[in-house]
Amino acid sequence: MFETLLSIVFVYFFILLGYIAKRIFKEEMDSKTLTLFSVYFLQGFVSIWGFSTAKLSTEHFLVPLYYVGIILLILVPTLFIGKKLFSDPKERAIFSIAGFVGNTGNIGIPLGIALFGMESVIYTTLINIANVFVVYILGVYLYSRGSLSIKESLLNIVKIPIVPASLVAIFINLNEIPIAPQIQELFKMGAYAGIVLQLFLLGTFLSSIKIKQLNKSLFIGVMSHKFIIIPFVTAFILSFTELSYFVQSIILMEMMVPLAVANINLASLYDCRPKEVTALILLSSVIFIPLLFLFKTLVNIL
């Protein structure tokens, strides 16, 4: 339990640093600049390094398929429930998609290393790639609710370096192309820099949140969906698969990670109450900590 606590503290430490830095330096700490540097320069390293940690197998490719498949299965009843619970279309959109746009990269990858070791990196990397498509397809559609800019937004998928970098990494992995140790070390350094910067960046975003602006009914709805409905349905579905318990635990963890900053980007782009979405991200990050202890305890017992 003490090791788990240390793992969580180390992950959230960099988020705290980002929060403190933004509070102290305010506008001098430009979150947009950090975002551009992270997305267009470092996240490609995270992806390539992730795919270099293990030889890809059939089970590896099944993981993102299960991840996306489970989301699609839960999404259908979620849309129906959202219509019943929320009359406001913007609240309904947030409830329907926010829980699915999880922080699989910033939190998921380092947390996977902390809880499951380096063996988890190949799985969390694949899930993070799958999550990119969840964000830019389901996320764009539901947050925009039929906006004319959907086509342009979907085309942006190919512009994000993590996608082509992942394709190159998969090609190298499948063809067993040797990589010099020095280059592997370069990828590792870039990946760890990208992970740390993303955690730091998350802290800068969280520093501007105002909880009082959040609708209580929306908070209860989204948090219940994120931390009750999604995990329990995911666990139920995975229990019928032939995936190893180790892999099932990783998928379940990734389904439980806090809401991603990408929710803010989409909510802002389509004027879907970005301030409330930002508050939801902070609260989900706080709620996730005690739930993580429960998750780790259950994994150890089972």
Protein backbone atom coordinates (compact mmCIF):
# COMPACT_ATOMS: atom_id res chain seq x y z
CA MET A 1 0.00 0.00 0.00
CA PHE A 2 2.86 2.38 0.85
CA GLU A 3 4.44 1.78 -2.58
CA THR A 4 1.10 2.55 -4.22
CA LEU A 5 0.86 5.80 -2.26
CA LEU A 6 4.35 6.81 -3.39
CA SER A 7 3.46 6.01 -7.01
CA ILE A 8 0.39 8.23 -6.86
CA VAL A 9 2.26 11.03 -5.08
CA PHE A 10 5.03 11.03 -7.69
CA VAL A 11 2.53 11.22 -10.55
CA TYR A 12 0.48 14.01 -8.99
CA PHE A 13 3.61 15.88 -7.83
CA PHE A 14 4.24 17.23 -11.33
CA ILE A 15 0.59 18.26 -11.64
CA LEU A 16 1.01 20.19 -8.40
CA LEU A 17 4.15 21.85 -9.77
CA GLY A 18 2.24 23.03 -12.82
CA TYR A 19 -0.58 24.33 -10.62
CA ILE A 20 1.84 26.26 -8.40
CA ALA A 21 3.81 27.64 -11.35
CA LYS A 22 0.67 28.99 -13.02
CA ARG A 23 -0.58 30.55 -9.77
CA ILE A 24 2.77 32.29 -9.20
CA PHE A 25 3.72 33.38 -12.71
CA LYS A 26 0.17 33.75 -14.10
CA GLU A 27 0.27 34.94 -17.73
CA GLU A 28 4.05 34.50 -17.93
CA MET A 29 3.43 30.75 -17.74
CA ASP A 30 1.81 30.32 -21.15
CA SER A 31 -0.23 27.09 -21.21
CA LYS A 32 -0.78 27.34 -24.97
CA THR A 33 2.97 27.36 -25.66
CA LEU A 34 3.45 24.34 -23.41
CA THR A 35 0.57 22.57 -25.19
CA LEU A 36 2.05 23.19 -28.65
CA PHE A 37 5.48 21.99 -27.55
CA SER A 38 4.02 18.88 -25.94
CA VAL A 39 1.66 17.90 -28.77
CA TYR A 40 3.88 18.69 -31.75
CA PHE A 41 7.33 17.82 -30.38
CA LEU A 42 7.26 15.41 -27.43
CA GLN A 43 4.16 13.22 -27.72
CA GLY A 44 5.64 11.51 -30.77
CA PHE A 45 8.53 10.35 -28.56
CA VAL A 46 6.05 8.96 -26.04
CA SER A 47 4.37 6.91 -28.75
CA ILE A 48 7.54 5.59 -30.41
CA TRP A 49 9.11 4.71 -27.05
CA GLY A 50 5.91 2.96 -25.95
CA PHE A 51 5.90 0.71 -28.99
CA SER A 52 9.58 -0.13 -28.53
CA THR A 53 9.07 -1.62 -25.05
CA ALA A 54 7.68 -4.96 -26.28
CA LYS A 55 7.13 -7.00 -29.42
CA LEU A 56 3.59 -6.52 -30.66
CA SER A 57 1.34 -9.57 -30.53
CA THR A 58 -2.30 -10.36 -31.29
CA GLU A 59 -3.25 -9.65 -27.68
CA HIS A 60 -1.71 -6.18 -27.96
CA PHE A 61 -3.88 -5.27 -30.93
CA LEU A 62 -6.98 -6.67 -29.22
CA VAL A 63 -6.60 -4.21 -26.33
CA PRO A 64 -7.45 -0.97 -28.23
CA LEU A 65 -10.25 -2.83 -30.05
CA TYR A 66 -11.79 -3.87 -26.73
CA TYR A 67 -11.27 -0.35 -25.40
CA VAL A 68 -13.11 1.31 -28.29
CA GLY A 69 -15.69 -1.49 -28.49
CA ILE A 70 -16.62 -1.12 -24.81
CA ILE A 71 -16.96 2.66 -25.24
CA LEU A 72 -19.30 2.22 -28.22
CA LEU A 73 -21.41 -0.32 -26.32
CA ILE A 74 -21.78 1.99 -23.31
CA LEU A 75 -22.29 5.08 -25.48
CA VAL A 76 -25.65 3.98 -26.89
CA PRO A 77 -27.49 3.68 -23.54
CA THR A 78 -25.58 6.76 -22.30
CA LEU A 79 -27.11 8.89 -25.04
CA PHE A 80 -30.56 7.63 -24.07
CA ILE A 81 -29.97 8.29 -20.36
CA GLY A 82 -28.62 11.76 -21.17
CA LYS A 83 -31.85 12.70 -22.95
CA LYS A 84 -33.86 11.63 -19.92
CA LEU A 85 -31.69 13.39 -17.33
CA PHE A 86 -30.83 16.69 -19.05
CA SER A 87 -33.10 18.98 -21.04
CA ASP A 88 -30.28 21.39 -21.83
CA PRO A 89 -28.46 20.14 -24.99
CA LYS A 90 -25.07 21.36 -23.76
CA GLU A 91 -25.36 19.55 -20.43
CA ARG A 92 -26.57 16.48 -22.28
CA ALA A 93 -23.52 16.61 -24.59
CA ILE A 94 -21.11 16.94 -21.65
CA PHE A 95 -22.73 14.05 -19.79
CA SER A 96 -22.69 11.85 -22.91
CA ILE A 97 -19.01 12.17 -23.86
CA ALA A 98 -16.91 13.68 -21.03
CA GLY A 99 -16.57 10.39 -19.15
CA PHE A 100 -15.22 8.63 -22.25
CA VAL A 101 -12.54 11.25 -22.97
CA GLY A 102 -10.20 10.07 -20.23
CA ASN A 103 -6.64 11.13 -19.46
CA THR A 104 -5.15 7.93 -20.89
CA GLY A 105 -1.86 9.61 -21.81
CA ASN A 106 -0.98 12.17 -19.14
CA ILE A 107 -2.19 10.01 -16.25
CA GLY A 108 -2.71 6.57 -17.77
CA ILE A 109 0.82 5.88 -19.06
CA PRO A 110 2.81 7.00 -15.98
CA LEU A 111 0.25 5.47 -13.63
CA GLY A 112 0.43 2.20 -15.54
CA ILE A 113 4.20 2.17 -15.05
CA ALA A 114 3.78 2.93 -11.34
CA LEU A 115 1.16 0.24 -10.70
CA PHE A 116 1.97 -2.48 -13.24
CA GLY A 117 5.58 -1.87 -14.28
CA MET A 118 7.16 -1.32 -17.70
CA GLU A 119 5.20 -4.26 -19.13
CA SER A 120 2.12 -2.02 -19.15
CA VAL A 121 3.60 0.64 -21.46
CA ILE A 122 2.83 -1.16 -24.72
CA TYR A 123 -0.81 -1.54 -23.67
CA THR A 124 -1.30 1.99 -22.33
CA THR A 125 0.34 3.41 -25.47
CA LEU A 126 -2.06 1.52 -27.73
CA ILE A 127 -5.03 2.60 -25.63
CA ASN A 128 -3.85 6.21 -25.77
CA ILE A 129 -3.73 6.04 -29.57
CA ALA A 130 -7.26 4.61 -29.61
CA ASN A 131 -8.33 7.42 -27.31
CA VAL A 132 -7.06 10.00 -29.83
CA PHE A 133 -9.64 8.71 -32.29
CA VAL A 134 -12.34 8.63 -29.60
CA VAL A 135 -11.60 12.29 -28.87
CA TYR A 136 -11.50 13.49 -32.47
CA ILE A 137 -14.46 11.48 -33.72
CA LEU A 138 -16.96 10.86 -30.91
CA GLY A 139 -15.78 13.87 -28.92
CA VAL A 140 -15.95 16.30 -31.82
CA TYR A 141 -19.35 15.05 -32.93
CA LEU A 142 -21.04 15.08 -29.53
CA TYR A 143 -19.58 18.36 -28.30
CA SER A 144 -20.39 20.10 -31.57
CA ARG A 145 -23.82 18.49 -32.05
CA GLY A 146 -23.74 18.76 -35.85
CA SER A 147 -21.47 21.78 -36.35
CA LEU A 148 -20.27 22.40 -39.92
CA SER A 149 -16.66 22.36 -38.73
CA ILE A 150 -16.76 18.63 -37.93
CA LYS A 151 -15.11 17.64 -41.22
CA GLU A 152 -12.20 20.00 -40.68
CA SER A 153 -11.82 18.82 -37.10
CA LEU A 154 -11.70 15.18 -38.16
CA LEU A 155 -9.01 16.00 -40.74
CA ASN A 156 -6.87 17.34 -37.91
CA ILE A 157 -6.34 13.76 -36.73
CA VAL A 158 -3.68 13.19 -39.39
CA LYS A 159 -1.98 16.47 -38.46
CA ILE A 160 -1.24 15.37 -34.91
CA PRO A 161 2.32 13.92 -34.82
CA ILE A 162 1.34 11.13 -32.42
CA VAL A 163 -0.68 9.41 -35.17
CA PRO A 164 1.98 9.18 -37.94
CA ALA A 165 4.66 8.55 -35.29
CA SER A 166 2.64 5.60 -34.02
CA LEU A 167 2.25 4.18 -37.52
CA VAL A 168 6.03 4.37 -38.05
CA ALA A 169 6.65 2.79 -34.63
CA ILE A 170 4.23 -0.05 -35.38
CA PHE A 171 5.94 -0.66 -38.74
CA ILE A 172 9.36 -0.83 -37.06
CA ASN A 173 8.01 -3.14 -34.36
CA LEU A 174 6.25 -5.57 -36.68
CA ASN A 175 9.23 -5.79 -39.05
CA GLU A 176 11.65 -6.18 -36.13
CA ILE A 177 13.88 -3.40 -37.43
CA PRO A 178 16.79 -3.06 -34.98
CA ILE A 179 17.24 0.24 -33.15
CA ALA A 180 20.62 1.27 -31.77
CA PRO A 181 20.78 1.55 -27.96
CA GLN A 182 21.68 5.23 -28.25
CA ILE A 183 18.56 5.93 -30.30
CA GLN A 184 16.43 3.92 -27.87
CA GLU A 185 17.80 6.08 -25.05
CA LEU A 186 16.89 9.18 -27.08
CA PHE A 187 13.30 7.95 -27.42
CA LYS A 188 13.16 7.20 -23.69
CA MET A 189 14.42 10.66 -22.74
CA GLY A 190 11.92 12.33 -25.07
CA ALA A 191 9.09 10.15 -23.76
CA TYR A 192 9.76 10.89 -20.10
CA ALA A 193 10.09 14.59 -20.92
CA GLY A 194 6.73 14.44 -22.71
CA ILE A 195 5.04 12.65 -19.81
CA VAL A 196 6.37 15.11 -17.23
CA LEU A 197 5.42 18.12 -19.37
CA GLN A 198 1.90 16.80 -19.85
CA LEU A 199 1.44 16.35 -16.11
CA PHE A 200 2.85 19.83 -15.52
CA LEU A 201 0.54 21.22 -18.22
CA LEU A 202 -2.49 19.62 -16.61
CA GLY A 203 -1.64 21.49 -13.41
CA THR A 204 -1.56 24.83 -15.25
CA PHE A 205 -5.05 24.20 -16.64
CA LEU A 206 -6.43 23.19 -13.26
CA SER A 207 -5.17 26.42 -11.65
CA SER A 208 -7.87 28.52 -13.35
CA ILE A 209 -10.84 26.39 -12.28
CA LYS A 210 -13.74 27.84 -10.31
CA ILE A 211 -15.80 25.09 -8.70
CA LYS A 212 -18.70 27.43 -7.87
CA GLN A 213 -19.55 27.71 -11.57
CA LEU A 214 -20.40 24.02 -11.78
CA ASN A 215 -23.99 22.76 -12.00
CA LYS A 216 -24.48 20.21 -9.19
CA SER A 217 -26.74 17.93 -11.20
CA LEU A 218 -24.20 17.86 -14.03
CA PHE A 219 -21.42 17.07 -11.56
CA ILE A 220 -23.34 14.15 -10.05
CA GLY A 221 -24.31 12.86 -13.48
CA VAL A 222 -20.82 12.97 -15.00
CA MET A 223 -19.01 11.61 -11.93
CA SER A 224 -21.53 8.76 -11.55
CA HIS A 225 -21.11 7.93 -15.21
CA LYS A 226 -17.31 8.13 -15.06
CA PHE A 227 -16.62 6.28 -11.82
CA ILE A 228 -19.62 3.97 -11.41
CA ILE A 229 -21.33 3.10 -14.70
CA ILE A 230 -18.27 2.93 -16.98
CA PRO A 231 -16.01 0.89 -14.60
CA PHE A 232 -18.70 -1.62 -13.63
CA VAL A 233 -19.87 -2.19 -17.20
CA THR A 234 -16.26 -2.46 -18.35
CA ALA A 235 -15.43 -5.02 -15.65
CA PHE A 236 -18.56 -7.01 -16.54
CA ILE A 237 -17.72 -7.10 -20.26
CA LEU A 238 -14.05 -7.94 -19.68
CA SER A 239 -15.01 -10.86 -17.44
CA PHE A 240 -16.33 -12.63 -20.54
CA THR A 241 -13.13 -12.15 -22.55
CA GLU A 242 -10.06 -14.36 -22.73
CA LEU A 243 -7.69 -11.49 -21.99
CA SER A 244 -5.26 -12.06 -19.13
CA TYR A 245 -6.17 -10.57 -15.76
CA PHE A 246 -3.13 -8.28 -16.08
CA VAL A 247 -4.43 -6.79 -19.34
CA GLN A 248 -8.00 -6.54 -18.02
CA SER A 249 -6.70 -4.54 -15.05
CA ILE A 250 -4.88 -2.12 -17.35
CA ILE A 251 -7.97 -1.55 -19.52
CA LEU A 252 -10.12 -1.01 -16.43
CA MET A 253 -7.59 1.46 -15.02
CA GLU A 254 -7.58 3.41 -18.29
CA MET A 255 -11.38 3.55 -18.25
CA MET A 256 -11.24 5.02 -14.73
CA VAL A 257 -8.59 7.73 -15.25
CA PRO A 258 -9.78 11.34 -14.70
CA LEU A 259 -11.28 13.44 -17.48
CA ALA A 260 -8.75 14.64 -20.05
CA VAL A 261 -7.81 18.23 -20.84
CA ALA A 262 -9.03 17.49 -24.38
CA ASN A 263 -12.54 17.96 -22.99
CA ILE A 264 -11.70 21.64 -22.41
CA ASN A 265 -10.42 22.04 -25.96
CA LEU A 266 -13.58 20.59 -27.49
CA ALA A 267 -15.93 22.38 -25.10
CA SER A 268 -14.23 25.70 -25.91
CA LEU A 269 -14.24 25.04 -29.65
CA TYR A 270 -17.98 24.39 -29.73
CA ASP A 271 -19.02 26.76 -26.91
CA CYS A 272 -20.20 23.90 -24.70
CA ARG A 273 -19.67 25.40 -21.23
CA PRO A 274 -15.87 25.08 -21.07
CA LYS A 275 -15.66 26.53 -17.53
CA GLU A 276 -17.96 23.82 -16.16
CA VAL A 277 -16.04 21.17 -18.08
CA THR A 278 -12.79 22.47 -16.56
CA ALA A 279 -14.28 22.19 -13.07
CA LEU A 280 -15.33 18.61 -13.83
CA ILE A 281 -11.75 17.76 -14.79
CA LEU A 282 -10.40 19.02 -11.47
CA LEU A 283 -13.03 17.22 -9.42
CA SER A 284 -12.55 13.97 -11.34
CA SER A 285 -8.80 14.20 -10.64
CA VAL A 286 -9.48 14.60 -6.91
CA ILE A 287 -12.09 11.83 -6.73
CA PHE A 288 -9.81 9.48 -8.66
CA ILE A 289 -7.16 9.38 -5.90
CA PRO A 290 -9.14 7.43 -3.24
CA LEU A 291 -10.73 5.26 -5.94
CA LEU A 292 -7.26 4.36 -7.15
CA PHE A 293 -6.41 2.93 -3.73
CA LEU A 294 -9.57 0.83 -3.86
CA PHE A 295 -8.73 -0.30 -7.39
CA LYS A 296 -5.19 -1.30 -6.41
CA THR A 297 -6.48 -3.17 -3.35
CA LEU A 298 -8.97 -5.14 -5.44
CA VAL A 299 -6.31 -5.98 -8.02
CA ASN A 300 -4.01 -7.31 -5.30
CA ILE A 301 -6.81 -9.39 -3.75
CA LEU A 302 -8.08 -10.86 -6.99
